[in-house]
Amino acid sequence: MSALMELAGRVASGAGLDNALDVEIEVALFEPDEKWGSIRPNARGTKVVCTGHDGSVGVFWANEWTGDRLGAVTALRARAQALITGGE
């Protein structure tokens, strides 16, 4: 089972808000843009650290993905499927 599908399973089986899961989801669904090239959790797993293409660093709260667990699971499964089929 892929890491994305395992994460989707943990999100689906949980309840309520969970910042640690929100951080994992944020990292898993990250897509580089014009400013930010990469993302990782901070050392405590409470926020995300984005690194810019110019070397700049930003520290942010993750989106509240676990407020809509069905939406988060759907997004994670779609990302997993895209990786399998080469859709990214």
PDB file of N, CA and C in Angstrom:
ATOM      1  N   MET A   1       0.848  -1.174   0.000  1.00  0.00           N
ATOM      2  CA  MET A   1       0.000   0.000   0.000  1.00  0.00           C
ATOM      3  C   MET A   1       0.894   1.238   0.000  1.00  0.00           C
ATOM      4  N   SER A   2       0.548   2.189  -0.813  1.00  0.00           N
ATOM      5  CA  SER A   2       1.371   3.398  -0.888  1.00  0.00           C
ATOM      6  C   SER A   2       1.235   4.228   0.386  1.00  0.00           C
ATOM      7  N   ALA A   3       2.212   5.062   0.610  1.00  0.00           N
ATOM      8  CA  ALA A   3       2.186   5.940   1.786  1.00  0.00           C
ATOM      9  C   ALA A   3       0.975   6.867   1.739  1.00  0.00           C
ATOM     10  N   LEU A   4       0.600   7.322   0.540  1.00  0.00           N
ATOM     11  CA  LEU A   4      -0.571   8.194   0.422  1.00  0.00           C
ATOM     12  C   LEU A   4      -1.849   7.459   0.796  1.00  0.00           C
ATOM     13  N   MET A   5      -1.981   6.209   0.374  1.00  0.00           N
ATOM     14  CA  MET A   5      -3.176   5.442   0.702  1.00  0.00           C
ATOM     15  C   MET A   5      -3.206   5.103   2.194  1.00  0.00           C
ATOM     16  N   GLU A   6      -2.050   4.857   2.777  1.00  0.00           N
ATOM     17  CA  GLU A   6      -1.983   4.600   4.220  1.00  0.00           C
ATOM     18  C   GLU A   6      -2.409   5.854   4.976  1.00  0.00           C
ATOM     19  N   LEU A   7      -1.942   7.014   4.543  1.00  0.00           N
ATOM     20  CA  LEU A   7      -2.331   8.273   5.163  1.00  0.00           C
ATOM     21  C   LEU A   7      -3.827   8.498   4.992  1.00  0.00           C
ATOM     22  N   ALA A   8      -4.356   8.246   3.802  1.00  0.00           N
ATOM     23  CA  ALA A   8      -5.796   8.393   3.565  1.00  0.00           C
ATOM     24  C   ALA A   8      -6.584   7.500   4.524  1.00  0.00           C
ATOM     25  N   GLY A   9      -6.110   6.286   4.761  1.00  0.00           N
ATOM     26  CA  GLY A   9      -6.773   5.383   5.692  1.00  0.00           C
ATOM     27  C   GLY A   9      -6.772   5.907   7.113  1.00  0.00           C
ATOM     28  N   ARG A  10      -5.651   6.478   7.536  1.00  0.00           N
ATOM     29  CA  ARG A  10      -5.583   7.059   8.888  1.00  0.00           C
ATOM     30  C   ARG A  10      -6.499   8.256   9.030  1.00  0.00           C
ATOM     31  N   VAL A  11      -6.590   9.069   7.960  1.00  0.00           N
ATOM     32  CA  VAL A  11      -7.473  10.223   7.995  1.00  0.00           C
ATOM     33  C   VAL A  11      -8.925   9.750   8.071  1.00  0.00           C
ATOM     34  N   ALA A  12      -9.284   8.762   7.256  1.00  0.00           N
ATOM     35  CA  ALA A  12     -10.655   8.261   7.219  1.00  0.00           C
ATOM     36  C   ALA A  12     -11.071   7.627   8.543  1.00  0.00           C
ATOM     37  N   SER A  13     -10.158   6.975   9.225  1.00  0.00           N
ATOM     38  CA  SER A  13     -10.514   6.264  10.447  1.00  0.00           C
ATOM     39  C   SER A  13     -10.512   7.158  11.685  1.00  0.00           C
ATOM     40  N   GLY A  14     -10.023   8.360  11.550  1.00  0.00           N
ATOM     41  CA  GLY A  14      -9.968   9.264  12.694  1.00  0.00           C
ATOM     42  C   GLY A  14     -11.226  10.091  12.829  1.00  0.00           C
ATOM     43  N   ALA A  15     -11.240  10.921  13.839  1.00  0.00           N
ATOM     44  CA  ALA A  15     -12.373  11.815  14.075  1.00  0.00           C
ATOM     45  C   ALA A  15     -11.857  13.130  14.636  1.00  0.00           C
ATOM     46  N   GLY A  16     -12.541  14.188  14.318  1.00  0.00           N
ATOM     47  CA  GLY A  16     -12.194  15.490  14.857  1.00  0.00           C
ATOM     48  C   GLY A  16     -10.959  16.087  14.214  1.00  0.00           C
ATOM     49  N   LEU A  17     -10.596  17.254  14.699  1.00  0.00           N
ATOM     50  CA  LEU A  17      -9.434  17.966  14.181  1.00  0.00           C
ATOM     51  C   LEU A  17      -8.154  17.342  14.720  1.00  0.00           C
ATOM     52  N   ASP A  18      -7.133  17.307  13.875  1.00  0.00           N
ATOM     53  CA  ASP A  18      -5.858  16.702  14.258  1.00  0.00           C
ATOM     54  C   ASP A  18      -4.743  17.443  13.529  1.00  0.00           C
ATOM     55  N   ASN A  19      -4.069  18.347  14.229  1.00  0.00           N
ATOM     56  CA  ASN A  19      -3.041  19.164  13.590  1.00  0.00           C
ATOM     57  C   ASN A  19      -1.902  18.338  13.021  1.00  0.00           C
ATOM     58  N   ALA A  20      -1.499  17.284  13.709  1.00  0.00           N
ATOM     59  CA  ALA A  20      -0.401  16.449  13.208  1.00  0.00           C
ATOM     60  C   ALA A  20      -0.769  15.824  11.862  1.00  0.00           C
ATOM     61  N   LEU A  21      -2.007  15.346  11.744  1.00  0.00           N
ATOM     62  CA  LEU A  21      -2.464  14.803  10.458  1.00  0.00           C
ATOM     63  C   LEU A  21      -2.571  15.910   9.417  1.00  0.00           C
ATOM     64  N   ASP A  22      -3.040  17.086   9.830  1.00  0.00           N
ATOM     65  CA  ASP A  22      -3.128  18.217   8.899  1.00  0.00           C
ATOM     66  C   ASP A  22      -1.763  18.517   8.286  1.00  0.00           C
ATOM     67  N   VAL A  23      -0.720  18.461   9.092  1.00  0.00           N
ATOM     68  CA  VAL A  23       0.638  18.707   8.598  1.00  0.00           C
ATOM     69  C   VAL A  23       1.035  17.621   7.603  1.00  0.00           C
ATOM     70  N   GLU A  24       0.768  16.365   7.931  1.00  0.00           N
ATOM     71  CA  GLU A  24       1.105  15.269   7.017  1.00  0.00           C
ATOM     72  C   GLU A  24       0.365  15.413   5.690  1.00  0.00           C
ATOM     73  N   ILE A  25      -0.907  15.774   5.759  1.00  0.00           N
ATOM     74  CA  ILE A  25      -1.707  15.935   4.541  1.00  0.00           C
ATOM     75  C   ILE A  25      -1.172  17.101   3.713  1.00  0.00           C
ATOM     76  N   GLU A  26      -0.885  18.205   4.374  1.00  0.00           N
ATOM     77  CA  GLU A  26      -0.359  19.385   3.680  1.00  0.00           C
ATOM     78  C   GLU A  26       0.917  19.051   2.914  1.00  0.00           C
ATOM     79  N   VAL A  27       1.799  18.308   3.553  1.00  0.00           N
ATOM     80  CA  VAL A  27       3.049  17.913   2.903  1.00  0.00           C
ATOM     81  C   VAL A  27       2.768  16.969   1.734  1.00  0.00           C
ATOM     82  N   ALA A  28       1.867  16.024   1.948  1.00  0.00           N
ATOM     83  CA  ALA A  28       1.555  15.037   0.908  1.00  0.00           C
ATOM     84  C   ALA A  28       0.916  15.666  -0.328  1.00  0.00           C
ATOM     85  N   LEU A  29       0.126  16.705  -0.126  1.00  0.00           N
ATOM     86  CA  LEU A  29      -0.597  17.319  -1.244  1.00  0.00           C
ATOM     87  C   LEU A  29       0.097  18.549  -1.816  1.00  0.00           C
ATOM     88  N   PHE A  30       1.241  18.899  -1.268  1.00  0.00           N
ATOM     89  CA  PHE A  30       1.969  20.088  -1.727  1.00  0.00           C
ATOM     90  C   PHE A  30       2.312  19.999  -3.217  1.00  0.00           C
ATOM     91  N   GLU A  31       2.113  21.106  -3.894  1.00  0.00           N
ATOM     92  CA  GLU A  31       2.545  21.241  -5.285  1.00  0.00           C
ATOM     93  C   GLU A  31       3.377  22.511  -5.389  1.00  0.00           C
ATOM     94  N   PRO A  32       4.587  22.407  -5.893  1.00  0.00           N
ATOM     95  CA  PRO A  32       5.419  23.605  -6.038  1.00  0.00           C
ATOM     96  C   PRO A  32       4.709  24.656  -6.896  1.00  0.00           C
ATOM     97  N   ASP A  33       4.993  25.910  -6.586  1.00  0.00           N
ATOM     98  CA  ASP A  33       4.439  27.006  -7.386  1.00  0.00           C
ATOM     99  C   ASP A  33       5.564  27.982  -7.720  1.00  0.00           C
ATOM    100  N   GLU A  34       5.201  29.179  -8.115  1.00  0.00           N
ATOM    101  CA  GLU A  34       6.206  30.162  -8.528  1.00  0.00           C
ATOM    102  C   GLU A  34       7.145  30.550  -7.385  1.00  0.00           C
ATOM    103  N   LYS A  35       6.632  30.526  -6.152  1.00  0.00           N
ATOM    104  CA  LYS A  35       7.433  30.954  -5.005  1.00  0.00           C
ATOM    105  C   LYS A  35       8.057  29.783  -4.240  1.00  0.00           C
ATOM    106  N   TRP A  36       7.234  28.786  -3.893  1.00  0.00           N
ATOM    107  CA  TRP A  36       7.677  27.694  -3.029  1.00  0.00           C
ATOM    108  C   TRP A  36       8.006  26.451  -3.833  1.00  0.00           C
ATOM    109  N   GLY A  37       9.203  25.914  -3.599  1.00  0.00           N
ATOM    110  CA  GLY A  37       9.650  24.746  -4.338  1.00  0.00           C
ATOM    111  C   GLY A  37       9.560  23.441  -3.575  1.00  0.00           C
ATOM    112  N   SER A  38       9.567  23.520  -2.237  1.00  0.00           N
ATOM    113  CA  SER A  38       9.497  22.295  -1.443  1.00  0.00           C
ATOM    114  C   SER A  38       8.848  22.583  -0.097  1.00  0.00           C
ATOM    115  N   ILE A  39       8.458  21.484   0.559  1.00  0.00           N
ATOM    116  CA  ILE A  39       7.785  21.596   1.856  1.00  0.00           C
ATOM    117  C   ILE A  39       8.220  20.418   2.720  1.00  0.00           C
ATOM    118  N   ARG A  40       8.205  20.634   4.026  1.00  0.00           N
ATOM    119  CA  ARG A  40       8.494  19.569   4.985  1.00  0.00           C
ATOM    120  C   ARG A  40       7.845  19.967   6.304  1.00  0.00           C
ATOM    121  N   PRO A  41       7.625  18.993   7.179  1.00  0.00           N
ATOM    122  CA  PRO A  41       7.140  19.349   8.512  1.00  0.00           C
ATOM    123  C   PRO A  41       8.274  19.946   9.335  1.00  0.00           C
ATOM    124  N   ASN A  42       7.939  20.792  10.301  1.00  0.00           N
ATOM    125  CA  ASN A  42       8.982  21.260  11.212  1.00  0.00           C
ATOM    126  C   ASN A  42       9.369  20.115  12.143  1.00  0.00           C
ATOM    127  N   ALA A  43      10.357  20.327  12.974  1.00  0.00           N
ATOM    128  CA  ALA A  43      10.900  19.263  13.824  1.00  0.00           C
ATOM    129  C   ALA A  43       9.851  18.654  14.761  1.00  0.00           C
ATOM    130  N   ARG A  44       8.894  19.442  15.193  1.00  0.00           N
ATOM    131  CA  ARG A  44       7.861  18.941  16.108  1.00  0.00           C
ATOM    132  C   ARG A  44       6.632  18.420  15.373  1.00  0.00           C
ATOM    133  N   GLY A  45       6.580  18.609  14.054  1.00  0.00           N
ATOM    134  CA  GLY A  45       5.422  18.160  13.289  1.00  0.00           C
ATOM    135  C   GLY A  45       4.182  18.994  13.502  1.00  0.00           C
ATOM    136  N   THR A  46       4.370  20.244  13.918  1.00  0.00           N
ATOM    137  CA  THR A  46       3.234  21.108  14.221  1.00  0.00           C
ATOM    138  C   THR A  46       2.957  22.147  13.144  1.00  0.00           C
ATOM    139  N   LYS A  47       3.924  22.408  12.299  1.00  0.00           N
ATOM    140  CA  LYS A  47       3.791  23.392  11.222  1.00  0.00           C
ATOM    141  C   LYS A  47       4.514  22.866   9.999  1.00  0.00           C
ATOM    142  N   VAL A  48       4.335  23.553   8.872  1.00  0.00           N
ATOM    143  CA  VAL A  48       5.065  23.189   7.666  1.00  0.00           C
ATOM    144  C   VAL A  48       6.110  24.247   7.368  1.00  0.00           C
ATOM    145  N   VAL A  49       7.217  23.794   6.834  1.00  0.00           N
ATOM    146  CA  VAL A  49       8.313  24.679   6.460  1.00  0.00           C
ATOM    147  C   VAL A  49       8.432  24.621   4.944  1.00  0.00           C
ATOM    148  N   CYS A  50       8.228  25.762   4.301  1.00  0.00           N
ATOM    149  CA  CYS A  50       8.333  25.849   2.845  1.00  0.00           C
ATOM    150  C   CYS A  50       9.652  26.522   2.491  1.00  0.00           C
ATOM    151  N   THR A  51      10.305  25.987   1.488  1.00  0.00           N
ATOM    152  CA  THR A  51      11.539  26.582   0.988  1.00  0.00           C
ATOM    153  C   THR A  51      11.281  27.117  -0.403  1.00  0.00           C
ATOM    154  N   GLY A  52      11.644  28.379  -0.599  1.00  0.00           N
ATOM    155  CA  GLY A  52      11.428  29.024  -1.874  1.00  0.00           C
ATOM    156  C   GLY A  52      12.515  28.696  -2.874  1.00  0.00           C
ATOM    157  N   HIS A  53      12.201  28.940  -4.126  1.00  0.00           N
ATOM    158  CA  HIS A  53      13.175  28.723  -5.193  1.00  0.00           C
ATOM    159  C   HIS A  53      14.400  29.615  -5.011  1.00  0.00           C
ATOM    160  N   ASP A  54      14.218  30.733  -4.299  1.00  0.00           N
ATOM    161  CA  ASP A  54      15.328  31.658  -4.061  1.00  0.00           C
ATOM    162  C   ASP A  54      16.059  31.379  -2.752  1.00  0.00           C
ATOM    163  N   GLY A  55      15.694  30.282  -2.075  1.00  0.00           N
ATOM    164  CA  GLY A  55      16.329  29.932  -0.813  1.00  0.00           C
ATOM    165  C   GLY A  55      15.622  30.467   0.414  1.00  0.00           C
ATOM    166  N   SER A  56      14.590  31.280   0.226  1.00  0.00           N
ATOM    167  CA  SER A  56      13.852  31.804   1.370  1.00  0.00           C
ATOM    168  C   SER A  56      13.092  30.673   2.067  1.00  0.00           C
ATOM    169  N   VAL A  57      12.788  30.891   3.339  1.00  0.00           N
ATOM    170  CA  VAL A  57      12.093  29.881   4.128  1.00  0.00           C
ATOM    171  C   VAL A  57      10.890  30.532   4.795  1.00  0.00           C
ATOM    172  N   GLY A  58       9.754  29.842   4.761  1.00  0.00           N
ATOM    173  CA  GLY A  58       8.558  30.296   5.445  1.00  0.00           C
ATOM    174  C   GLY A  58       8.008  29.171   6.307  1.00  0.00           C
ATOM    175  N   VAL A  59       7.536  29.532   7.486  1.00  0.00           N
ATOM    176  CA  VAL A  59       6.951  28.549   8.402  1.00  0.00           C
ATOM    177  C   VAL A  59       5.477  28.897   8.562  1.00  0.00           C
ATOM    178  N   PHE A  60       4.613  27.905   8.327  1.00  0.00           N
ATOM    179  CA  PHE A  60       3.176  28.156   8.293  1.00  0.00           C
ATOM    180  C   PHE A  60       2.405  27.065   9.024  1.00  0.00           C
ATOM    181  N   TRP A  61       1.209  27.431   9.493  1.00  0.00           N
ATOM    182  CA  TRP A  61       0.271  26.418   9.961  1.00  0.00           C
ATOM    183  C   TRP A  61      -0.241  25.679   8.735  1.00  0.00           C
ATOM    184  N   ALA A  62      -0.506  24.413   8.878  1.00  0.00           N
ATOM    185  CA  ALA A  62      -1.104  23.630   7.790  1.00  0.00           C
ATOM    186  C   ALA A  62      -2.578  24.001   7.677  1.00  0.00           C
ATOM    187  N   ASN A  63      -3.129  23.817   6.495  1.00  0.00           N
ATOM    188  CA  ASN A  63      -4.571  23.967   6.335  1.00  0.00           C
ATOM    189  C   ASN A  63      -5.263  22.960   7.246  1.00  0.00           C
ATOM    190  N   GLU A  64      -6.479  23.246   7.621  1.00  0.00           N
ATOM    191  CA  GLU A  64      -7.226  22.384   8.538  1.00  0.00           C
ATOM    192  C   GLU A  64      -7.936  21.273   7.759  1.00  0.00           C
ATOM    193  N   TRP A  65      -7.134  20.373   7.206  1.00  0.00           N
ATOM    194  CA  TRP A  65      -7.659  19.285   6.374  1.00  0.00           C
ATOM    195  C   TRP A  65      -8.599  18.373   7.127  1.00  0.00           C
ATOM    196  N   THR A  66      -8.351  18.132   8.402  1.00  0.00           N
ATOM    197  CA  THR A  66      -9.172  17.192   9.157  1.00  0.00           C
ATOM    198  C   THR A  66     -10.532  17.776   9.539  1.00  0.00           C
ATOM    199  N   GLY A  67     -10.763  19.034   9.193  1.00  0.00           N
ATOM    200  CA  GLY A  67     -12.093  19.614   9.350  1.00  0.00           C
ATOM    201  C   GLY A  67     -13.047  19.077   8.290  1.00  0.00           C
ATOM    202  N   ASP A  68     -12.496  18.575   7.205  1.00  0.00           N
ATOM    203  CA  ASP A  68     -13.265  17.942   6.117  1.00  0.00           C
ATOM    204  C   ASP A  68     -12.542  16.654   5.749  1.00  0.00           C
ATOM    205  N   ARG A  69     -12.692  15.662   6.587  1.00  0.00           N
ATOM    206  CA  ARG A  69     -11.954  14.411   6.383  1.00  0.00           C
ATOM    207  C   ARG A  69     -12.284  13.748   5.050  1.00  0.00           C
ATOM    208  N   LEU A  70     -13.542  13.768   4.647  1.00  0.00           N
ATOM    209  CA  LEU A  70     -13.903  13.163   3.367  1.00  0.00           C
ATOM    210  C   LEU A  70     -13.183  13.870   2.221  1.00  0.00           C
ATOM    211  N   GLY A  71     -13.128  15.186   2.255  1.00  0.00           N
ATOM    212  CA  GLY A  71     -12.413  15.938   1.231  1.00  0.00           C
ATOM    213  C   GLY A  71     -10.931  15.632   1.221  1.00  0.00           C
ATOM    214  N   ALA A  72     -10.352  15.510   2.410  1.00  0.00           N
ATOM    215  CA  ALA A  72      -8.924  15.193   2.511  1.00  0.00           C
ATOM    216  C   ALA A  72      -8.635  13.800   1.972  1.00  0.00           C
ATOM    217  N   VAL A  73      -9.479  12.829   2.326  1.00  0.00           N
ATOM    218  CA  VAL A  73      -9.296  11.462   1.840  1.00  0.00           C
ATOM    219  C   VAL A  73      -9.420  11.421   0.325  1.00  0.00           C
ATOM    220  N   THR A  74     -10.400  12.130  -0.206  1.00  0.00           N
ATOM    221  CA  THR A  74     -10.592  12.179  -1.651  1.00  0.00           C
ATOM    222  C   THR A  74      -9.368  12.766  -2.345  1.00  0.00           C
ATOM    223  N   ALA A  75      -8.825  13.851  -1.798  1.00  0.00           N
ATOM    224  CA  ALA A  75      -7.647  14.488  -2.389  1.00  0.00           C
ATOM    225  C   ALA A  75      -6.424  13.573  -2.318  1.00  0.00           C
ATOM    226  N   LEU A  76      -6.243  12.897  -1.200  1.00  0.00           N
ATOM    227  CA  LEU A  76      -5.103  11.983  -1.060  1.00  0.00           C
ATOM    228  C   LEU A  76      -5.211  10.806  -2.015  1.00  0.00           C
ATOM    229  N   ARG A  77      -6.400  10.243  -2.131  1.00  0.00           N
ATOM    230  CA  ARG A  77      -6.589   9.108  -3.045  1.00  0.00           C
ATOM    231  C   ARG A  77      -6.400   9.540  -4.502  1.00  0.00           C
ATOM    232  N   ALA A  78      -6.859  10.731  -4.828  1.00  0.00           N
ATOM    233  CA  ALA A  78      -6.669  11.242  -6.190  1.00  0.00           C
ATOM    234  C   ALA A  78      -5.183  11.438  -6.484  1.00  0.00           C
ATOM    235  N   ARG A  79      -4.434  11.955  -5.517  1.00  0.00           N
ATOM    236  CA  ARG A  79      -2.997  12.140  -5.701  1.00  0.00           C
ATOM    237  C   ARG A  79      -2.311  10.783  -5.877  1.00  0.00           C
ATOM    238  N   ALA A  80      -2.709   9.812  -5.061  1.00  0.00           N
ATOM    239  CA  ALA A  80      -2.128   8.468  -5.177  1.00  0.00           C
ATOM    240  C   ALA A  80      -2.423   7.877  -6.550  1.00  0.00           C
ATOM    241  N   GLN A  81      -3.654   8.013  -7.012  1.00  0.00           N
ATOM    242  CA  GLN A  81      -4.023   7.482  -8.329  1.00  0.00           C
ATOM    243  C   GLN A  81      -3.249   8.191  -9.442  1.00  0.00           C
ATOM    244  N   ALA A  82      -3.093   9.503  -9.319  1.00  0.00           N
ATOM    245  CA  ALA A  82      -2.335  10.246 -10.331  1.00  0.00           C
ATOM    246  C   ALA A  82      -0.894   9.789 -10.404  1.00  0.00           C
ATOM    247  N   LEU A  83      -0.313   9.482  -9.260  1.00  0.00           N
ATOM    248  CA  LEU A  83       1.066   9.000  -9.248  1.00  0.00           C
ATOM    249  C   LEU A  83       1.175   7.621  -9.905  1.00  0.00           C
ATOM    250  N   ILE A  84       0.157   6.779  -9.678  1.00  0.00           N
ATOM    251  CA  ILE A  84       0.150   5.435 -10.263  1.00  0.00           C
ATOM    252  C   ILE A  84       0.017   5.498 -11.771  1.00  0.00           C
ATOM    253  N   THR A  85      -0.848   6.376 -12.250  1.00  0.00           N
ATOM    254  CA  THR A  85      -1.120   6.448 -13.688  1.00  0.00           C
ATOM    255  C   THR A  85      -0.219   7.443 -14.417  1.00  0.00           C
ATOM    256  N   GLY A  86       0.638   8.114 -13.668  1.00  0.00           N
ATOM    257  CA  GLY A  86       1.542   9.081 -14.302  1.00  0.00           C
ATOM    258  C   GLY A  86       0.858  10.383 -14.650  1.00  0.00           C
ATOM    259  N   GLY A  87      -0.225  10.690 -13.957  1.00  0.00           N
ATOM    260  CA  GLY A  87      -0.993  11.901 -14.246  1.00  0.00           C
ATOM    261  C   GLY A  87      -0.433  13.172 -13.665  1.00  0.00           C
ATOM    262  N   GLU A  88       0.722  13.101 -13.012  1.00  0.00           N
ATOM    263  CA  GLU A  88       1.306  14.334 -12.460  1.00  0.00           C
ATOM    264  C   GLU A  88       2.536  14.730 -13.207  1.00  0.00           C
TER     265      GLU A  88
END
